[in-house]
């Protein structure tokens, strides 16, 4: 796919930050970590990657605003556009030597996500989308959601609450309703990649609560452009505002949503 100038900027930034993260990942045993909150670790690698992304993206578009996981919010001269960045989604995986983590970059225009990129640097898989142009993997593969139509044949992804998160009872109810009627549920530890995997048809659906905008903004667009339906776990919720997200292909969405909403 021939992307826009903004998408090319995003790809360049992600590849540079990805090289830095891969280098640190190979030496993960030596990483110095600090406690940010219970069960939520941040490493020097994480902070360094965000600085690279910030430098690349704001140098290319100095008037845009910024929302980064580690560095917070910067108001831009152009109030209609901002970058939304998670430099390392799956930090716990990274720190434990598990090669399942990603860089997530989204571009918001007038409150709407218009471009999204999720880069799995460990596997060299670049998922991306622009509004109205479909979703792609590594320039050559058009992404489409799966065509499964029966829950019992479908595999879903979610995140399990940890430490201070409050949604464990709700998630256990979800699992109690869904597990008996599906082919399985996976918990791989990266919301951005979970959404990208729905877009690629690797998962048939995904849901999770208590997420931040930087966790899901890019993956939200990629999944939608690949044909997924995306809503909040509760009917009427905006996932980008609530941090509660449910997505699946069109054929199973209603039965998937019913199983979870009944919980």
Foldseek 3Di string as FASTA:
>chain_A
DDDDPLVVLVVVLFQVLLVLLVVCLVVLVPWDWDDPDVVDIDTPSQVVSVVSSCCSNCVVVVQAWEAEPPPGTDQGVPNFKYKQWRRWQQVVCSNVSNQDIWIKIFMGGNRATAKIWTASSSVRWIWIDGPPGAIDIPPPGGFAADPDQFQQAFEEEEAADDDPDDCNVLVVQLCVLRVVGHVYYDYDRALLVRLLCRRRHVGQKYWYFDAALSRPSRSVRNNVRNAKDKDFLDPPHRCNVGVTIIIGHPNCRVVSSCSSNVD
